[in-house]
């Protein structure tokens, strides 16, 4: 499988859609994201799905960086609701989230969280931009099912990447991240802090071996449409590709593009994943 220039939407495509946005809609979308100590700042597997979506559609936006302990207060301030409920019954607030406000009228056009509902909103609110979710119910359900199950079917990446992400977060977020992600992994490790998750040489080797198997299973899903194109649905980029791309860019950003680990991942399955992320390169802008 080889990527060709025709496999991707060009930068001209982005400019054209920016120019076609409703001239009476002076909104600037705010994307709420989580910062880091890295030069690129952006790293989160979840917020990258929305960043990819905005960049692909060519919709102007800005980023507001929010440390983990401040997420709930910031979202509540903007009347952005929780995305889940914690085990203790309290609301769970998470990123990504967006705020779409008309700068001329001050009208709040949208205030919502979670990458999939955000993608659905952007498809509807900006109909002159390329869709990322199918209009038919069967296709939409396929995208939802893929998104819901993606990380659950690749648990080794959660352990590896959460352990590797913790040191590159700003100090203000580390304690929160350590406890929250340890809770996500509690069924596997039964500890209250990420620092206590076993991560010696033997554990790392086993996790990477398991992750390679999981990427092989993912490859089987994506390869079904290779005859039509390089993406999850063949020739056309969809939200599922941003799910995959978000995971890949998380690995590359945290571990480093020149790292041995990213070199392995990008070479797995005949180099599919390195080519896949390269195909999304023009949508990696961080603003």
C-alpha atoms as a PDB file:
ATOM      1  CA  UNK A   1       0.000   0.000   0.000  1.00  0.00           C
ATOM      2  CA  UNK A   2       1.455   3.383  -0.990  1.00  0.00           C
ATOM      3  CA  UNK A   3       0.172   6.873  -0.363  1.00  0.00           C
ATOM      4  CA  UNK A   4      -0.114   9.117  -3.376  1.00  0.00           C
ATOM      5  CA  UNK A   5      -0.713  12.874  -3.623  1.00  0.00           C
ATOM      6  CA  UNK A   6      -4.282  12.126  -4.656  1.00  0.00           C
ATOM      7  CA  UNK A   7      -4.846  10.260  -1.397  1.00  0.00           C
ATOM      8  CA  UNK A   8      -4.998  13.487   0.560  1.00  0.00           C
ATOM      9  CA  UNK A   9      -6.823  16.787   0.536  1.00  0.00           C
ATOM     10  CA  UNK A  10      -4.435  19.557  -0.504  1.00  0.00           C
ATOM     11  CA  UNK A  11      -3.715  22.832   1.253  1.00  0.00           C
ATOM     12  CA  UNK A  12      -5.636  24.506  -1.561  1.00  0.00           C
ATOM     13  CA  UNK A  13      -8.645  22.496  -0.373  1.00  0.00           C
ATOM     14  CA  UNK A  14      -8.277  24.019   3.103  1.00  0.00           C
ATOM     15  CA  UNK A  15      -7.936  27.558   1.781  1.00  0.00           C
ATOM     16  CA  UNK A  16     -10.945  27.156  -0.477  1.00  0.00           C
ATOM     17  CA  UNK A  17     -13.163  26.046   2.367  1.00  0.00           C
ATOM     18  CA  UNK A  18     -11.919  28.825   4.622  1.00  0.00           C
ATOM     19  CA  UNK A  19     -12.866  31.303   1.915  1.00  0.00           C
ATOM     20  CA  UNK A  20     -16.297  29.721   1.536  1.00  0.00           C
ATOM     21  CA  UNK A  21     -17.249  30.087   5.204  1.00  0.00           C
ATOM     22  CA  UNK A  22     -20.340  32.229   5.739  1.00  0.00           C
ATOM     23  CA  UNK A  23     -19.036  35.850   5.704  1.00  0.00           C
ATOM     24  CA  UNK A  24     -21.717  36.818   8.258  1.00  0.00           C
ATOM     25  CA  UNK A  25     -20.429  34.233  10.680  1.00  0.00           C
ATOM     26  CA  UNK A  26     -17.553  36.003  12.456  1.00  0.00           C
ATOM     27  CA  UNK A  27     -17.093  33.276  15.020  1.00  0.00           C
ATOM     28  CA  UNK A  28     -13.741  32.108  16.227  1.00  0.00           C
ATOM     29  CA  UNK A  29     -13.963  28.680  17.763  1.00  0.00           C
ATOM     30  CA  UNK A  30     -12.032  28.123  20.963  1.00  0.00           C
ATOM     31  CA  UNK A  31     -10.580  24.644  21.381  1.00  0.00           C
ATOM     32  CA  UNK A  32      -9.810  23.730  24.974  1.00  0.00           C
ATOM     33  CA  UNK A  33      -6.715  21.543  25.178  1.00  0.00           C
ATOM     34  CA  UNK A  34      -4.210  20.310  27.766  1.00  0.00           C
ATOM     35  CA  UNK A  35      -0.690  21.784  27.689  1.00  0.00           C
ATOM     36  CA  UNK A  36       2.664  20.126  28.257  1.00  0.00           C
ATOM     37  CA  UNK A  37       6.328  21.061  28.579  1.00  0.00           C
ATOM     38  CA  UNK A  38       6.988  19.998  24.980  1.00  0.00           C
ATOM     39  CA  UNK A  39       7.661  22.602  22.260  1.00  0.00           C
ATOM     40  CA  UNK A  40       4.524  21.595  20.332  1.00  0.00           C
ATOM     41  CA  UNK A  41       2.468  21.745  23.570  1.00  0.00           C
ATOM     42  CA  UNK A  42      -0.340  19.592  22.112  1.00  0.00           C
ATOM     43  CA  UNK A  43      -0.117  15.878  22.895  1.00  0.00           C
ATOM     44  CA  UNK A  44      -3.486  14.474  23.997  1.00  0.00           C
ATOM     45  CA  UNK A  45      -4.870  11.530  22.032  1.00  0.00           C
ATOM     46  CA  UNK A  46      -8.398  12.830  22.593  1.00  0.00           C
ATOM     47  CA  UNK A  47      -7.977  16.512  21.846  1.00  0.00           C
ATOM     48  CA  UNK A  48      -5.976  15.717  18.723  1.00  0.00           C
ATOM     49  CA  UNK A  49      -9.127  14.171  17.236  1.00  0.00           C
ATOM     50  CA  UNK A  50     -10.844  17.547  17.396  1.00  0.00           C
ATOM     51  CA  UNK A  51      -7.731  19.458  16.309  1.00  0.00           C
ATOM     52  CA  UNK A  52      -7.422  17.216  13.258  1.00  0.00           C
ATOM     53  CA  UNK A  53     -11.125  17.752  12.517  1.00  0.00           C
ATOM     54  CA  UNK A  54     -10.852  21.549  12.689  1.00  0.00           C
ATOM     55  CA  UNK A  55      -7.674  21.631  10.599  1.00  0.00           C
ATOM     56  CA  UNK A  56      -9.095  19.265   7.990  1.00  0.00           C
ATOM     57  CA  UNK A  57     -12.221  21.363   7.659  1.00  0.00           C
ATOM     58  CA  UNK A  58     -10.184  24.565   7.503  1.00  0.00           C
ATOM     59  CA  UNK A  59     -12.281  26.215  10.221  1.00  0.00           C
ATOM     60  CA  UNK A  60     -10.499  29.071  12.041  1.00  0.00           C
ATOM     61  CA  UNK A  61      -9.956  28.440  15.728  1.00  0.00           C
ATOM     62  CA  UNK A  62      -7.732  29.282  18.644  1.00  0.00           C
ATOM     63  CA  UNK A  63      -6.532  27.155  21.547  1.00  0.00           C
ATOM     64  CA  UNK A  64      -7.073  27.820  25.226  1.00  0.00           C
ATOM     65  CA  UNK A  65      -4.722  25.696  27.292  1.00  0.00           C
ATOM     66  CA  UNK A  66      -6.195  24.273  30.493  1.00  0.00           C
ATOM     67  CA  UNK A  67      -4.332  22.344  33.171  1.00  0.00           C
ATOM     68  CA  UNK A  68      -6.049  19.191  34.411  1.00  0.00           C
ATOM     69  CA  UNK A  69      -7.189  20.503  37.821  1.00  0.00           C
ATOM     70  CA  UNK A  70      -8.861  23.485  36.118  1.00  0.00           C
ATOM     71  CA  UNK A  71     -10.865  21.601  33.486  1.00  0.00           C
ATOM     72  CA  UNK A  72     -14.092  21.298  35.471  1.00  0.00           C
ATOM     73  CA  UNK A  73     -14.142  24.963  36.521  1.00  0.00           C
ATOM     74  CA  UNK A  74     -13.339  26.236  33.016  1.00  0.00           C
ATOM     75  CA  UNK A  75     -16.022  24.113  31.371  1.00  0.00           C
ATOM     76  CA  UNK A  76     -18.605  25.001  34.005  1.00  0.00           C
ATOM     77  CA  UNK A  77     -17.799  28.676  33.424  1.00  0.00           C
ATOM     78  CA  UNK A  78     -18.768  28.248  29.777  1.00  0.00           C
ATOM     79  CA  UNK A  79     -21.783  26.028  30.498  1.00  0.00           C
ATOM     80  CA  UNK A  80     -20.128  23.027  28.893  1.00  0.00           C
ATOM     81  CA  UNK A  81     -21.546  19.909  30.477  1.00  0.00           C
ATOM     82  CA  UNK A  82     -19.801  16.784  31.774  1.00  0.00           C
ATOM     83  CA  UNK A  83     -19.116  13.866  29.470  1.00  0.00           C
ATOM     84  CA  UNK A  84     -19.528  11.096  32.038  1.00  0.00           C
ATOM     85  CA  UNK A  85     -20.054  10.311  35.712  1.00  0.00           C
ATOM     86  CA  UNK A  86     -17.276   9.303  38.077  1.00  0.00           C
ATOM     87  CA  UNK A  87     -17.501   6.171  40.192  1.00  0.00           C
ATOM     88  CA  UNK A  88     -18.448   8.295  43.192  1.00  0.00           C
ATOM     89  CA  UNK A  89     -21.414   9.713  41.281  1.00  0.00           C
ATOM     90  CA  UNK A  90     -19.963  13.170  40.652  1.00  0.00           C
ATOM     91  CA  UNK A  91     -19.861  14.623  37.120  1.00  0.00           C
ATOM     92  CA  UNK A  92     -16.776  13.990  34.996  1.00  0.00           C
ATOM     93  CA  UNK A  93     -15.557  16.912  32.900  1.00  0.00           C
ATOM     94  CA  UNK A  94     -13.116  16.227  30.107  1.00  0.00           C
ATOM     95  CA  UNK A  95     -11.417  17.669  27.040  1.00  0.00           C
ATOM     96  CA  UNK A  96     -11.620  18.255  24.150  1.00  0.00           C
ATOM     97  CA  UNK A  97     -14.270  20.910  24.337  1.00  0.00           C
ATOM     98  CA  UNK A  98     -15.126  23.800  22.056  1.00  0.00           C
ATOM     99  CA  UNK A  99     -16.849  27.144  22.372  1.00  0.00           C
ATOM    100  CA  UNK A 100     -18.255  28.656  19.179  1.00  0.00           C
ATOM    101  CA  UNK A 101     -19.231  32.287  19.718  1.00  0.00           C
ATOM    102  CA  UNK A 102     -20.310  34.803  17.071  1.00  0.00           C
ATOM    103  CA  UNK A 103     -17.966  37.737  17.628  1.00  0.00           C
ATOM    104  CA  UNK A 104     -20.435  40.165  16.060  1.00  0.00           C
ATOM    105  CA  UNK A 105     -23.558  39.293  18.026  1.00  0.00           C
ATOM    106  CA  UNK A 106     -22.030  37.561  21.031  1.00  0.00           C
ATOM    107  CA  UNK A 107     -24.313  34.606  20.407  1.00  0.00           C
ATOM    108  CA  UNK A 108     -23.035  31.318  21.743  1.00  0.00           C
ATOM    109  CA  UNK A 109     -23.500  28.989  18.812  1.00  0.00           C
ATOM    110  CA  UNK A 110     -22.163  25.909  20.574  1.00  0.00           C
ATOM    111  CA  UNK A 111     -20.570  24.916  23.861  1.00  0.00           C
ATOM    112  CA  UNK A 112     -19.863  21.211  24.068  1.00  0.00           C
ATOM    113  CA  UNK A 113     -17.311  18.542  24.913  1.00  0.00           C
ATOM    114  CA  UNK A 114     -16.270  15.125  23.538  1.00  0.00           C
ATOM    115  CA  UNK A 115     -14.651  14.727  20.139  1.00  0.00           C
ATOM    116  CA  UNK A 116     -17.452  12.759  18.455  1.00  0.00           C
ATOM    117  CA  UNK A 117     -20.315  15.183  19.312  1.00  0.00           C
ATOM    118  CA  UNK A 118     -17.984  18.035  18.364  1.00  0.00           C
ATOM    119  CA  UNK A 119     -17.372  16.448  14.961  1.00  0.00           C
ATOM    120  CA  UNK A 120     -21.128  16.018  14.463  1.00  0.00           C
ATOM    121  CA  UNK A 121     -21.710  19.665  15.370  1.00  0.00           C
ATOM    122  CA  UNK A 122     -19.006  20.906  12.998  1.00  0.00           C
ATOM    123  CA  UNK A 123     -20.441  18.832  10.145  1.00  0.00           C
ATOM    124  CA  UNK A 124     -23.849  20.414  10.714  1.00  0.00           C
ATOM    125  CA  UNK A 125     -22.788  23.991  11.513  1.00  0.00           C
ATOM    126  CA  UNK A 126     -20.230  24.234   8.697  1.00  0.00           C
ATOM    127  CA  UNK A 127     -21.895  22.361   5.815  1.00  0.00           C
ATOM    128  CA  UNK A 128     -19.534  23.794   3.193  1.00  0.00           C
ATOM    129  CA  UNK A 129     -16.581  22.018   4.764  1.00  0.00           C
ATOM    130  CA  UNK A 130     -15.735  18.344   4.139  1.00  0.00           C
ATOM    131  CA  UNK A 131     -17.775  16.001   6.326  1.00  0.00           C
ATOM    132  CA  UNK A 132     -15.992  13.667   8.702  1.00  0.00           C
ATOM    133  CA  UNK A 133     -19.033  11.622   9.765  1.00  0.00           C
ATOM    134  CA  UNK A 134     -21.312   9.726   7.356  1.00  0.00           C
ATOM    135  CA  UNK A 135     -24.866  10.942   6.861  1.00  0.00           C
ATOM    136  CA  UNK A 136     -26.340   7.440   6.737  1.00  0.00           C
ATOM    137  CA  UNK A 137     -27.206   5.749  10.021  1.00  0.00           C
ATOM    138  CA  UNK A 138     -25.247   2.567   9.359  1.00  0.00           C
ATOM    139  CA  UNK A 139     -22.075   4.464   8.506  1.00  0.00           C
ATOM    140  CA  UNK A 140     -22.466   6.743  11.517  1.00  0.00           C
ATOM    141  CA  UNK A 141     -22.941   3.797  13.857  1.00  0.00           C
ATOM    142  CA  UNK A 142     -19.803   2.190  12.450  1.00  0.00           C
ATOM    143  CA  UNK A 143     -17.828   5.332  13.278  1.00  0.00           C
ATOM    144  CA  UNK A 144     -19.300   5.509  16.786  1.00  0.00           C
ATOM    145  CA  UNK A 145     -18.545   1.852  17.483  1.00  0.00           C
ATOM    146  CA  UNK A 146     -14.973   2.224  16.257  1.00  0.00           C
ATOM    147  CA  UNK A 147     -14.417   5.343  18.380  1.00  0.00           C
ATOM    148  CA  UNK A 148     -15.905   3.809  21.523  1.00  0.00           C
ATOM    149  CA  UNK A 149     -13.865   0.639  21.301  1.00  0.00           C
ATOM    150  CA  UNK A 150     -10.563   1.997  20.024  1.00  0.00           C
ATOM    151  CA  UNK A 151      -8.570   2.447  23.227  1.00  0.00           C
ATOM    152  CA  UNK A 152     -10.349  -0.420  24.994  1.00  0.00           C
ATOM    153  CA  UNK A 153      -8.970  -2.693  22.290  1.00  0.00           C
ATOM    154  CA  UNK A 154      -5.457  -1.246  22.647  1.00  0.00           C
ATOM    155  CA  UNK A 155      -4.964  -1.256  26.418  1.00  0.00           C
ATOM    156  CA  UNK A 156      -1.153  -1.600  26.264  1.00  0.00           C
ATOM    157  CA  UNK A 157      -0.911   1.834  24.653  1.00  0.00           C
ATOM    158  CA  UNK A 158      -2.708   3.334  27.652  1.00  0.00           C
ATOM    159  CA  UNK A 159      -0.216   1.924  30.137  1.00  0.00           C
ATOM    160  CA  UNK A 160       2.822   2.775  28.028  1.00  0.00           C
ATOM    161  CA  UNK A 161       1.757   6.237  27.024  1.00  0.00           C
ATOM    162  CA  UNK A 162       0.278   7.311  30.350  1.00  0.00           C
ATOM    163  CA  UNK A 163       3.530   6.332  32.066  1.00  0.00           C
ATOM    164  CA  UNK A 164       5.556   8.173  29.423  1.00  0.00           C
ATOM    165  CA  UNK A 165       3.278  11.234  29.373  1.00  0.00           C
ATOM    166  CA  UNK A 166       3.345  11.946  33.106  1.00  0.00           C
ATOM    167  CA  UNK A 167       6.887  13.437  33.184  1.00  0.00           C
ATOM    168  CA  UNK A 168       6.248  15.854  30.304  1.00  0.00           C
ATOM    169  CA  UNK A 169       3.132  17.442  31.801  1.00  0.00           C
ATOM    170  CA  UNK A 170       3.350  20.729  33.639  1.00  0.00           C
ATOM    171  CA  UNK A 171       3.684  20.299  37.374  1.00  0.00           C
ATOM    172  CA  UNK A 172       0.172  21.663  37.910  1.00  0.00           C
ATOM    173  CA  UNK A 173      -1.306  18.674  36.068  1.00  0.00           C
ATOM    174  CA  UNK A 174       0.902  15.779  37.146  1.00  0.00           C
ATOM    175  CA  UNK A 175      -0.798  14.837  40.411  1.00  0.00           C
ATOM    176  CA  UNK A 176      -4.261  14.935  38.854  1.00  0.00           C
ATOM    177  CA  UNK A 177      -3.127  12.935  35.818  1.00  0.00           C
ATOM    178  CA  UNK A 178      -1.375  10.353  37.983  1.00  0.00           C
ATOM    179  CA  UNK A 179      -4.459   9.632  40.076  1.00  0.00           C
ATOM    180  CA  UNK A 180      -6.994   9.838  37.225  1.00  0.00           C
ATOM    181  CA  UNK A 181      -5.113   7.541  34.877  1.00  0.00           C
ATOM    182  CA  UNK A 182      -4.305   5.087  37.673  1.00  0.00           C
ATOM    183  CA  UNK A 183      -8.060   4.903  38.273  1.00  0.00           C
ATOM    184  CA  UNK A 184      -8.584   4.174  34.556  1.00  0.00           C
ATOM    185  CA  UNK A 185      -6.093   1.322  34.852  1.00  0.00           C
ATOM    186  CA  UNK A 186      -7.178   0.168  38.316  1.00  0.00           C
ATOM    187  CA  UNK A 187      -8.716  -3.039  37.022  1.00  0.00           C
ATOM    188  CA  UNK A 188      -5.333  -4.046  35.611  1.00  0.00           C
ATOM    189  CA  UNK A 189      -2.976  -2.889  38.348  1.00  0.00           C
ATOM    190  CA  UNK A 190      -4.988  -2.039  41.468  1.00  0.00           C
ATOM    191  CA  UNK A 191      -2.900   1.003  42.384  1.00  0.00           C
ATOM    192  CA  UNK A 192      -3.883   4.613  43.095  1.00  0.00           C
ATOM    193  CA  UNK A 193      -1.023   6.398  41.331  1.00  0.00           C
ATOM    194  CA  UNK A 194       0.605   5.939  37.941  1.00  0.00           C
ATOM    195  CA  UNK A 195       4.022   5.935  39.581  1.00  0.00           C
ATOM    196  CA  UNK A 196       3.077   2.625  41.230  1.00  0.00           C
ATOM    197  CA  UNK A 197       2.179   0.850  37.990  1.00  0.00           C
ATOM    198  CA  UNK A 198       4.949  -1.724  37.332  1.00  0.00           C
ATOM    199  CA  UNK A 199       7.074  -0.513  34.426  1.00  0.00           C
ATOM    200  CA  UNK A 200      10.395  -2.292  34.558  1.00  0.00           C
ATOM    201  CA  UNK A 201      12.227  -3.725  31.574  1.00  0.00           C
ATOM    202  CA  UNK A 202      10.236  -6.973  31.558  1.00  0.00           C
ATOM    203  CA  UNK A 203       6.905  -5.138  31.859  1.00  0.00           C
ATOM    204  CA  UNK A 204       7.795  -2.729  29.065  1.00  0.00           C
ATOM    205  CA  UNK A 205       8.847  -5.559  26.777  1.00  0.00           C
ATOM    206  CA  UNK A 206       5.592  -7.421  27.374  1.00  0.00           C
ATOM    207  CA  UNK A 207       3.528  -4.279  26.816  1.00  0.00           C
ATOM    208  CA  UNK A 208       5.250  -3.448  23.533  1.00  0.00           C
ATOM    209  CA  UNK A 209       4.830  -7.016  22.293  1.00  0.00           C
ATOM    210  CA  UNK A 210       1.125  -6.885  23.130  1.00  0.00           C
ATOM    211  CA  UNK A 211       0.773  -3.479  21.475  1.00  0.00           C
ATOM    212  CA  UNK A 212       2.291  -4.781  18.245  1.00  0.00           C
ATOM    213  CA  UNK A 213      -0.353  -7.514  18.234  1.00  0.00           C
ATOM    214  CA  UNK A 214      -3.084  -4.922  18.778  1.00  0.00           C
ATOM    215  CA  UNK A 215      -1.809  -2.791  15.903  1.00  0.00           C
ATOM    216  CA  UNK A 216      -1.879  -5.911  13.766  1.00  0.00           C
ATOM    217  CA  UNK A 217      -5.577  -6.309  14.573  1.00  0.00           C
ATOM    218  CA  UNK A 218      -6.155  -2.647  13.739  1.00  0.00           C
ATOM    219  CA  UNK A 219      -4.339  -3.157  10.463  1.00  0.00           C
ATOM    220  CA  UNK A 220      -6.801  -5.897   9.555  1.00  0.00           C
ATOM    221  CA  UNK A 221      -9.679  -3.427   9.931  1.00  0.00           C
ATOM    222  CA  UNK A 222      -8.052  -0.656   7.936  1.00  0.00           C
ATOM    223  CA  UNK A 223      -6.745  -2.987   5.217  1.00  0.00           C
ATOM    224  CA  UNK A 224     -10.276  -4.031   4.253  1.00  0.00           C
ATOM    225  CA  UNK A 225     -10.600  -0.907   2.108  1.00  0.00           C
ATOM    226  CA  UNK A 226      -7.053  -0.793   0.712  1.00  0.00           C
ATOM    227  CA  UNK A 227      -8.362  -1.367  -2.800  1.00  0.00           C
ATOM    228  CA  UNK A 228     -10.227   1.955  -2.562  1.00  0.00           C
ATOM    229  CA  UNK A 229      -7.680   4.063  -0.677  1.00  0.00           C
ATOM    230  CA  UNK A 230      -5.458   4.402   2.343  1.00  0.00           C
ATOM    231  CA  UNK A 231      -7.975   5.502   4.949  1.00  0.00           C
ATOM    232  CA  UNK A 232     -10.375   3.660   7.255  1.00  0.00           C
ATOM    233  CA  UNK A 233     -13.138   4.015   4.658  1.00  0.00           C
ATOM    234  CA  UNK A 234     -10.842   3.872   1.656  1.00  0.00           C
ATOM    235  CA  UNK A 235     -10.496   7.030  -0.399  1.00  0.00           C
ATOM    236  CA  UNK A 236     -12.145   9.511   1.967  1.00  0.00           C
ATOM    237  CA  UNK A 237     -10.903  10.718   5.328  1.00  0.00           C
ATOM    238  CA  UNK A 238     -13.393  10.193   8.148  1.00  0.00           C
ATOM    239  CA  UNK A 239     -13.423  10.727  11.904  1.00  0.00           C
ATOM    240  CA  UNK A 240     -12.037   7.211  12.447  1.00  0.00           C
ATOM    241  CA  UNK A 241      -8.813   8.297  10.766  1.00  0.00           C
ATOM    242  CA  UNK A 242      -8.436  11.073  13.321  1.00  0.00           C
ATOM    243  CA  UNK A 243      -8.946   8.495  16.071  1.00  0.00           C
ATOM    244  CA  UNK A 244      -6.065   6.467  14.676  1.00  0.00           C
ATOM    245  CA  UNK A 245      -4.028   9.574  13.939  1.00  0.00           C
ATOM    246  CA  UNK A 246      -4.576  10.883  17.469  1.00  0.00           C
ATOM    247  CA  UNK A 247      -3.099   7.700  18.910  1.00  0.00           C
ATOM    248  CA  UNK A 248      -0.138   7.749  16.532  1.00  0.00           C
ATOM    249  CA  UNK A 249       0.696  11.404  17.120  1.00  0.00           C
ATOM    250  CA  UNK A 250       0.461  10.837  20.887  1.00  0.00           C
ATOM    251  CA  UNK A 251       3.100   8.116  20.595  1.00  0.00           C
ATOM    252  CA  UNK A 252       5.331  10.126  18.258  1.00  0.00           C
ATOM    253  CA  UNK A 253       5.057  13.365  20.253  1.00  0.00           C
ATOM    254  CA  UNK A 254       5.717  11.904  23.698  1.00  0.00           C
ATOM    255  CA  UNK A 255       8.393   9.375  22.755  1.00  0.00           C
ATOM    256  CA  UNK A 256      10.022  11.518  20.060  1.00  0.00           C
ATOM    257  CA  UNK A 257      10.109  11.199  16.292  1.00  0.00           C
ATOM    258  CA  UNK A 258      13.695   9.932  16.404  1.00  0.00           C
ATOM    259  CA  UNK A 259      13.058   7.447  19.215  1.00  0.00           C
ATOM    260  CA  UNK A 260      13.565   3.727  18.797  1.00  0.00           C
ATOM    261  CA  UNK A 261       9.974   3.127  19.943  1.00  0.00           C
ATOM    262  CA  UNK A 262       8.389   5.402  17.335  1.00  0.00           C
ATOM    263  CA  UNK A 263      10.692   3.856  14.739  1.00  0.00           C
ATOM    264  CA  UNK A 264       9.221   0.455  15.579  1.00  0.00           C
ATOM    265  CA  UNK A 265       5.606   1.617  15.552  1.00  0.00           C
ATOM    266  CA  UNK A 266       5.975   3.483  12.280  1.00  0.00           C
ATOM    267  CA  UNK A 267       7.497   0.393  10.676  1.00  0.00           C
ATOM    268  CA  UNK A 268       4.891  -2.108  11.901  1.00  0.00           C
ATOM    269  CA  UNK A 269       2.588  -3.705   9.320  1.00  0.00           C
ATOM    270  CA  UNK A 270       4.815  -2.856   6.413  1.00  0.00           C
ATOM    271  CA  UNK A 271       5.267   0.754   7.458  1.00  0.00           C
ATOM    272  CA  UNK A 272       1.535   1.456   7.347  1.00  0.00           C
ATOM    273  CA  UNK A 273       1.428   3.601  10.486  1.00  0.00           C
ATOM    274  CA  UNK A 274       4.322   5.848   9.561  1.00  0.00           C
ATOM    275  CA  UNK A 275       2.728   6.470   6.161  1.00  0.00           C
ATOM    276  CA  UNK A 276      -0.681   6.915   7.756  1.00  0.00           C
ATOM    277  CA  UNK A 277       0.451   9.726  10.051  1.00  0.00           C
ATOM    278  CA  UNK A 278       2.487  11.297   7.275  1.00  0.00           C
ATOM    279  CA  UNK A 279      -0.751  11.470   5.288  1.00  0.00           C
ATOM    280  CA  UNK A 280      -2.269  13.628   8.030  1.00  0.00           C
ATOM    281  CA  UNK A 281       0.746  15.928   8.249  1.00  0.00           C
ATOM    282  CA  UNK A 282      -0.915  18.996   6.754  1.00  0.00           C
ATOM    283  CA  UNK A 283      -3.591  18.800   9.440  1.00  0.00           C
ATOM    284  CA  UNK A 284      -1.128  18.843  12.353  1.00  0.00           C
ATOM    285  CA  UNK A 285      -1.159  22.625  12.777  1.00  0.00           C
ATOM    286  CA  UNK A 286      -1.276  23.803  16.399  1.00  0.00           C
ATOM    287  CA  UNK A 287      -2.634  27.333  16.849  1.00  0.00           C
END
